[in-house]
Amino acid sequence: MVYFFSHWKKRCVFSLNFYTSIINSDLPMRIDSTQALKLRSLGLIEFKGNDVQCLCNLYRFYFQERI
């Protein structure tokens, strides 16, 4: 998981700001569709209609400590 995070952080600097907002929100939120698709392709978020939310609480807790 640590390798994945360091690799992801280097490749997705712009997505990092969006993901920080997502993991700090308890409710689904709307973000830029391009960024949403990037985060979805990494398996970090899920779509709820037109909004997105963190895929699971394990990811939320892990990334809240590291971002």
PDB file of N, CA and C in Angstrom:
ATOM      1  N   MET A   1       0.819  -1.181   0.000  1.00  0.00           N
ATOM      2  CA  MET A   1       0.000   0.000   0.000  1.00  0.00           C
ATOM      3  C   MET A   1       0.869   1.253   0.000  1.00  0.00           C
ATOM      4  N   VAL A   2       2.004   1.224   0.690  1.00  0.00           N
ATOM      5  CA  VAL A   2       2.876   2.390   0.741  1.00  0.00           C
ATOM      6  C   VAL A   2       3.443   2.672  -0.645  1.00  0.00           C
ATOM      7  N   TYR A   3       3.849   1.627  -1.370  1.00  0.00           N
ATOM      8  CA  TYR A   3       4.349   1.814  -2.731  1.00  0.00           C
ATOM      9  C   TYR A   3       3.270   2.427  -3.605  1.00  0.00           C
ATOM     10  N   PHE A   4       2.067   1.903  -3.493  1.00  0.00           N
ATOM     11  CA  PHE A   4       0.949   2.407  -4.297  1.00  0.00           C
ATOM     12  C   PHE A   4       0.745   3.893  -4.035  1.00  0.00           C
ATOM     13  N   PHE A   5       0.758   4.295  -2.780  1.00  0.00           N
ATOM     14  CA  PHE A   5       0.520   5.698  -2.445  1.00  0.00           C
ATOM     15  C   PHE A   5       1.614   6.592  -3.003  1.00  0.00           C
ATOM     16  N   SER A   6       2.877   6.220  -2.845  1.00  0.00           N
ATOM     17  CA  SER A   6       3.958   7.073  -3.342  1.00  0.00           C
ATOM     18  C   SER A   6       3.931   7.152  -4.864  1.00  0.00           C
ATOM     19  N   HIS A   7       3.621   6.057  -5.525  1.00  0.00           N
ATOM     20  CA  HIS A   7       3.502   6.047  -6.985  1.00  0.00           C
ATOM     21  C   HIS A   7       2.329   6.916  -7.430  1.00  0.00           C
ATOM     22  N   TRP A   8       1.198   6.771  -6.765  1.00  0.00           N
ATOM     23  CA  TRP A   8      -0.005   7.544  -7.099  1.00  0.00           C
ATOM     24  C   TRP A   8       0.226   9.027  -6.875  1.00  0.00           C
ATOM     25  N   LYS A   9       0.875   9.357  -5.777  1.00  0.00           N
ATOM     26  CA  LYS A   9       1.100  10.764  -5.428  1.00  0.00           C
ATOM     27  C   LYS A   9       1.968  11.451  -6.481  1.00  0.00           C
ATOM     28  N   LYS A  10       2.949  10.761  -7.010  1.00  0.00           N
ATOM     29  CA  LYS A  10       3.824  11.340  -8.032  1.00  0.00           C
ATOM     30  C   LYS A  10       3.089  11.541  -9.356  1.00  0.00           C
ATOM     31  N   ARG A  11       2.226  10.626  -9.724  1.00  0.00           N
ATOM     32  CA  ARG A  11       1.567  10.672 -11.026  1.00  0.00           C
ATOM     33  C   ARG A  11       0.314  11.523 -11.049  1.00  0.00           C
ATOM     34  N   CYS A  12      -0.302  11.740  -9.916  1.00  0.00           N
ATOM     35  CA  CYS A  12      -1.610  12.384  -9.892  1.00  0.00           C
ATOM     36  C   CYS A  12      -1.632  13.596  -8.973  1.00  0.00           C
ATOM     37  N   VAL A  13      -0.727  14.499  -9.163  1.00  0.00           N
ATOM     38  CA  VAL A  13      -0.649  15.672  -8.298  1.00  0.00           C
ATOM     39  C   VAL A  13      -1.951  16.468  -8.326  1.00  0.00           C
ATOM     40  N   PHE A  14      -2.535  16.670  -9.510  1.00  0.00           N
ATOM     41  CA  PHE A  14      -3.778  17.428  -9.601  1.00  0.00           C
ATOM     42  C   PHE A  14      -4.928  16.691  -8.929  1.00  0.00           C
ATOM     43  N   SER A  15      -4.975  15.380  -9.072  1.00  0.00           N
ATOM     44  CA  SER A  15      -6.043  14.595  -8.469  1.00  0.00           C
ATOM     45  C   SER A  15      -5.947  14.571  -6.949  1.00  0.00           C
ATOM     46  N   LEU A  16      -4.765  14.809  -6.421  1.00  0.00           N
ATOM     47  CA  LEU A  16      -4.564  14.783  -4.980  1.00  0.00           C
ATOM     48  C   LEU A  16      -5.436  15.809  -4.267  1.00  0.00           C
ATOM     49  N   ASN A  17      -5.556  17.003  -4.828  1.00  0.00           N
ATOM     50  CA  ASN A  17      -6.402  18.033  -4.217  1.00  0.00           C
ATOM     51  C   ASN A  17      -7.860  17.601  -4.198  1.00  0.00           C
ATOM     52  N   PHE A  18      -8.315  17.014  -5.281  1.00  0.00           N
ATOM     53  CA  PHE A  18      -9.694  16.543  -5.344  1.00  0.00           C
ATOM     54  C   PHE A  18      -9.917  15.397  -4.356  1.00  0.00           C
ATOM     55  N   TYR A  19      -8.964  14.472  -4.283  1.00  0.00           N
ATOM     56  CA  TYR A  19      -9.134  13.319  -3.403  1.00  0.00           C
ATOM     57  C   TYR A  19      -9.113  13.741  -1.937  1.00  0.00           C
ATOM     58  N   THR A  20      -8.314  14.739  -1.608  1.00  0.00           N
ATOM     59  CA  THR A  20      -8.299  15.255  -0.234  1.00  0.00           C
ATOM     60  C   THR A  20      -9.680  15.772   0.150  1.00  0.00           C
ATOM     61  N   SER A  21     -10.326  16.474  -0.750  1.00  0.00           N
ATOM     62  CA  SER A  21     -11.683  16.968  -0.489  1.00  0.00           C
ATOM     63  C   SER A  21     -12.663  15.815  -0.302  1.00  0.00           C
ATOM     64  N   ILE A  22     -12.512  14.789  -1.112  1.00  0.00           N
ATOM     65  CA  ILE A  22     -13.430  13.648  -1.053  1.00  0.00           C
ATOM     66  C   ILE A  22     -13.284  12.893   0.256  1.00  0.00           C
ATOM     67  N   ILE A  23     -12.048  12.616   0.676  1.00  0.00           N
ATOM     68  CA  ILE A  23     -11.871  11.826   1.898  1.00  0.00           C
ATOM     69  C   ILE A  23     -12.236  12.605   3.153  1.00  0.00           C
ATOM     70  N   ASN A  24     -12.245  13.918   3.068  1.00  0.00           N
ATOM     71  CA  ASN A  24     -12.624  14.727   4.225  1.00  0.00           C
ATOM     72  C   ASN A  24     -14.117  15.028   4.283  1.00  0.00           C
ATOM     73  N   SER A  25     -14.862  14.532   3.309  1.00  0.00           N
ATOM     74  CA  SER A  25     -16.303  14.764   3.271  1.00  0.00           C
ATOM     75  C   SER A  25     -17.046  13.464   3.556  1.00  0.00           C
ATOM     76  N   ASP A  26     -18.058  13.551   4.392  1.00  0.00           N
ATOM     77  CA  ASP A  26     -18.884  12.374   4.679  1.00  0.00           C
ATOM     78  C   ASP A  26     -19.976  12.168   3.632  1.00  0.00           C
ATOM     79  N   LEU A  27     -20.235  13.196   2.851  1.00  0.00           N
ATOM     80  CA  LEU A  27     -21.291  13.134   1.845  1.00  0.00           C
ATOM     81  C   LEU A  27     -20.691  13.084   0.441  1.00  0.00           C
ATOM     82  N   PRO A  28     -21.388  12.446  -0.497  1.00  0.00           N
ATOM     83  CA  PRO A  28     -20.917  12.475  -1.886  1.00  0.00           C
ATOM     84  C   PRO A  28     -20.814  13.912  -2.368  1.00  0.00           C
ATOM     85  N   MET A  29     -19.844  14.178  -3.221  1.00  0.00           N
ATOM     86  CA  MET A  29     -19.633  15.533  -3.718  1.00  0.00           C
ATOM     87  C   MET A  29     -19.365  15.514  -5.208  1.00  0.00           C
ATOM     88  N   ARG A  30     -19.546  16.641  -5.842  1.00  0.00           N
ATOM     89  CA  ARG A  30     -19.335  16.777  -7.283  1.00  0.00           C
ATOM     90  C   ARG A  30     -17.959  17.368  -7.541  1.00  0.00           C
ATOM     91  N   ILE A  31     -17.190  16.700  -8.421  1.00  0.00           N
ATOM     92  CA  ILE A  31     -15.879  17.208  -8.828  1.00  0.00           C
ATOM     93  C   ILE A  31     -15.790  17.167 -10.349  1.00  0.00           C
ATOM     94  N   ASP A  32     -14.713  17.713 -10.874  1.00  0.00           N
ATOM     95  CA  ASP A  32     -14.458  17.715 -12.305  1.00  0.00           C
ATOM     96  C   ASP A  32     -14.496  16.277 -12.847  1.00  0.00           C
ATOM     97  N   SER A  33     -15.164  16.088 -13.966  1.00  0.00           N
ATOM     98  CA  SER A  33     -15.358  14.731 -14.507  1.00  0.00           C
ATOM     99  C   SER A  33     -14.043  14.068 -14.905  1.00  0.00           C
ATOM    100  N   THR A  34     -13.096  14.833 -15.413  1.00  0.00           N
ATOM    101  CA  THR A  34     -11.803  14.257 -15.790  1.00  0.00           C
ATOM    102  C   THR A  34     -11.080  13.714 -14.565  1.00  0.00           C
ATOM    103  N   GLN A  35     -11.074  14.493 -13.498  1.00  0.00           N
ATOM    104  CA  GLN A  35     -10.426  14.049 -12.257  1.00  0.00           C
ATOM    105  C   GLN A  35     -11.175  12.865 -11.650  1.00  0.00           C
ATOM    106  N   ALA A  36     -12.493  12.899 -11.730  1.00  0.00           N
ATOM    107  CA  ALA A  36     -13.290  11.787 -11.202  1.00  0.00           C
ATOM    108  C   ALA A  36     -12.966  10.490 -11.933  1.00  0.00           C
ATOM    109  N   LEU A  37     -12.829  10.559 -13.236  1.00  0.00           N
ATOM    110  CA  LEU A  37     -12.505   9.355 -14.005  1.00  0.00           C
ATOM    111  C   LEU A  37     -11.101   8.842 -13.686  1.00  0.00           C
ATOM    112  N   LYS A  38     -10.160   9.752 -13.458  1.00  0.00           N
ATOM    113  CA  LYS A  38      -8.806   9.327 -13.069  1.00  0.00           C
ATOM    114  C   LYS A  38      -8.825   8.607 -11.722  1.00  0.00           C
ATOM    115  N   LEU A  39      -9.519   9.203 -10.760  1.00  0.00           N
ATOM    116  CA  LEU A  39      -9.591   8.590  -9.428  1.00  0.00           C
ATOM    117  C   LEU A  39     -10.361   7.276  -9.467  1.00  0.00           C
ATOM    118  N   ARG A  40     -11.389   7.202 -10.302  1.00  0.00           N
ATOM    119  CA  ARG A  40     -12.166   5.961 -10.441  1.00  0.00           C
ATOM    120  C   ARG A  40     -11.324   4.867 -11.075  1.00  0.00           C
ATOM    121  N   SER A  41     -10.499   5.231 -12.054  1.00  0.00           N
ATOM    122  CA  SER A  41      -9.647   4.227 -12.707  1.00  0.00           C
ATOM    123  C   SER A  41      -8.611   3.652 -11.741  1.00  0.00           C
ATOM    124  N   LEU A  42      -8.272   4.418 -10.706  1.00  0.00           N
ATOM    125  CA  LEU A  42      -7.363   3.926  -9.669  1.00  0.00           C
ATOM    126  C   LEU A  42      -8.095   3.129  -8.598  1.00  0.00           C
ATOM    127  N   GLY A  43      -9.428   3.096  -8.668  1.00  0.00           N
ATOM    128  CA  GLY A  43     -10.216   2.346  -7.693  1.00  0.00           C
ATOM    129  C   GLY A  43     -10.361   3.039  -6.360  1.00  0.00           C
ATOM    130  N   LEU A  44     -10.236   4.372  -6.342  1.00  0.00           N
ATOM    131  CA  LEU A  44     -10.281   5.112  -5.082  1.00  0.00           C
ATOM    132  C   LEU A  44     -11.647   5.695  -4.756  1.00  0.00           C
ATOM    133  N   ILE A  45     -12.478   5.877  -5.770  1.00  0.00           N
ATOM    134  CA  ILE A  45     -13.792   6.482  -5.541  1.00  0.00           C
ATOM    135  C   ILE A  45     -14.856   5.668  -6.252  1.00  0.00           C
ATOM    136  N   GLU A  46     -16.102   5.955  -5.896  1.00  0.00           N
ATOM    137  CA  GLU A  46     -17.242   5.375  -6.603  1.00  0.00           C
ATOM    138  C   GLU A  46     -18.212   6.496  -6.924  1.00  0.00           C
ATOM    139  N   PHE A  47     -18.957   6.297  -7.973  1.00  0.00           N
ATOM    140  CA  PHE A  47     -19.949   7.287  -8.388  1.00  0.00           C
ATOM    141  C   PHE A  47     -21.268   7.032  -7.673  1.00  0.00           C
ATOM    142  N   LYS A  48     -21.884   8.087  -7.248  1.00  0.00           N
ATOM    143  CA  LYS A  48     -23.237   8.082  -6.691  1.00  0.00           C
ATOM    144  C   LYS A  48     -24.026   9.089  -7.509  1.00  0.00           C
ATOM    145  N   GLY A  49     -24.607   8.636  -8.610  1.00  0.00           N
ATOM    146  CA  GLY A  49     -25.250   9.552  -9.544  1.00  0.00           C
ATOM    147  C   GLY A  49     -24.183  10.396 -10.210  1.00  0.00           C
ATOM    148  N   ASN A  50     -24.296  11.708 -10.117  1.00  0.00           N
ATOM    149  CA  ASN A  50     -23.291  12.614 -10.678  1.00  0.00           C
ATOM    150  C   ASN A  50     -22.213  12.985  -9.672  1.00  0.00           C
ATOM    151  N   ASP A  51     -22.344  12.509  -8.453  1.00  0.00           N
ATOM    152  CA  ASP A  51     -21.387  12.820  -7.395  1.00  0.00           C
ATOM    153  C   ASP A  51     -20.450  11.634  -7.173  1.00  0.00           C
ATOM    154  N   VAL A  52     -19.402  11.867  -6.397  1.00  0.00           N
ATOM    155  CA  VAL A  52     -18.449  10.801  -6.072  1.00  0.00           C
ATOM    156  C   VAL A  52     -18.238  10.759  -4.564  1.00  0.00           C
ATOM    157  N   GLN A  53     -17.791   9.594  -4.103  1.00  0.00           N
ATOM    158  CA  GLN A  53     -17.419   9.447  -2.707  1.00  0.00           C
ATOM    159  C   GLN A  53     -16.291   8.433  -2.602  1.00  0.00           C
ATOM    160  N   CYS A  54     -15.610   8.439  -1.479  1.00  0.00           N
ATOM    161  CA  CYS A  54     -14.522   7.505  -1.247  1.00  0.00           C
ATOM    162  C   CYS A  54     -15.063   6.081  -1.336  1.00  0.00           C
ATOM    163  N   LEU A  55     -14.307   5.199  -1.987  1.00  0.00           N
ATOM    164  CA  LEU A  55     -14.779   3.839  -2.216  1.00  0.00           C
ATOM    165  C   LEU A  55     -15.034   3.085  -0.909  1.00  0.00           C
ATOM    166  N   CYS A  56     -14.153   3.237   0.068  1.00  0.00           N
ATOM    167  CA  CYS A  56     -14.367   2.556   1.350  1.00  0.00           C
ATOM    168  C   CYS A  56     -13.677   3.326   2.468  1.00  0.00           C
ATOM    169  N   ASN A  57     -14.093   3.072   3.679  1.00  0.00           N
ATOM    170  CA  ASN A  57     -13.529   3.776   4.835  1.00  0.00           C
ATOM    171  C   ASN A  57     -12.073   3.422   5.076  1.00  0.00           C
ATOM    172  N   LEU A  58     -11.650   2.243   4.679  1.00  0.00           N
ATOM    173  CA  LEU A  58     -10.245   1.867   4.822  1.00  0.00           C
ATOM    174  C   LEU A  58      -9.363   2.848   4.054  1.00  0.00           C
ATOM    175  N   TYR A  59      -9.733   3.148   2.818  1.00  0.00           N
ATOM    176  CA  TYR A  59      -8.996   4.144   2.036  1.00  0.00           C
ATOM    177  C   TYR A  59      -9.081   5.513   2.690  1.00  0.00           C
ATOM    178  N   ARG A  60     -10.240   5.873   3.172  1.00  0.00           N
ATOM    179  CA  ARG A  60     -10.418   7.180   3.812  1.00  0.00           C
ATOM    180  C   ARG A  60      -9.460   7.336   4.995  1.00  0.00           C
ATOM    181  N   PHE A  61      -9.426   6.355   5.877  1.00  0.00           N
ATOM    182  CA  PHE A  61      -8.565   6.440   7.060  1.00  0.00           C
ATOM    183  C   PHE A  61      -7.089   6.424   6.675  1.00  0.00           C
ATOM    184  N   TYR A  62      -6.736   5.563   5.734  1.00  0.00           N
ATOM    185  CA  TYR A  62      -5.336   5.450   5.309  1.00  0.00           C
ATOM    186  C   TYR A  62      -4.844   6.777   4.719  1.00  0.00           C
ATOM    187  N   PHE A  63      -5.585   7.326   3.771  1.00  0.00           N
ATOM    188  CA  PHE A  63      -5.129   8.536   3.093  1.00  0.00           C
ATOM    189  C   PHE A  63      -5.269   9.786   3.950  1.00  0.00           C
ATOM    190  N   GLN A  64      -6.193   9.816   4.890  1.00  0.00           N
ATOM    191  CA  GLN A  64      -6.304  10.978   5.773  1.00  0.00           C
ATOM    192  C   GLN A  64      -5.032  11.130   6.604  1.00  0.00           C
ATOM    193  N   GLU A  65      -4.403  10.027   6.943  1.00  0.00           N
ATOM    194  CA  GLU A  65      -3.174  10.085   7.734  1.00  0.00           C
ATOM    195  C   GLU A  65      -1.952  10.454   6.899  1.00  0.00           C
ATOM    196  N   ARG A  66      -2.020  10.237   5.586  1.00  0.00           N
ATOM    197  CA  ARG A  66      -0.840  10.401   4.747  1.00  0.00           C
ATOM    198  C   ARG A  66      -0.860  11.604   3.824  1.00  0.00           C
ATOM    199  N   ILE A  67      -2.001  12.207   3.621  1.00  0.00           N
ATOM    200  CA  ILE A  67      -2.056  13.371   2.732  1.00  0.00           C
ATOM    201  C   ILE A  67      -1.969  14.629   3.570  1.00  0.00           C
TER     202      ILE A  67
END
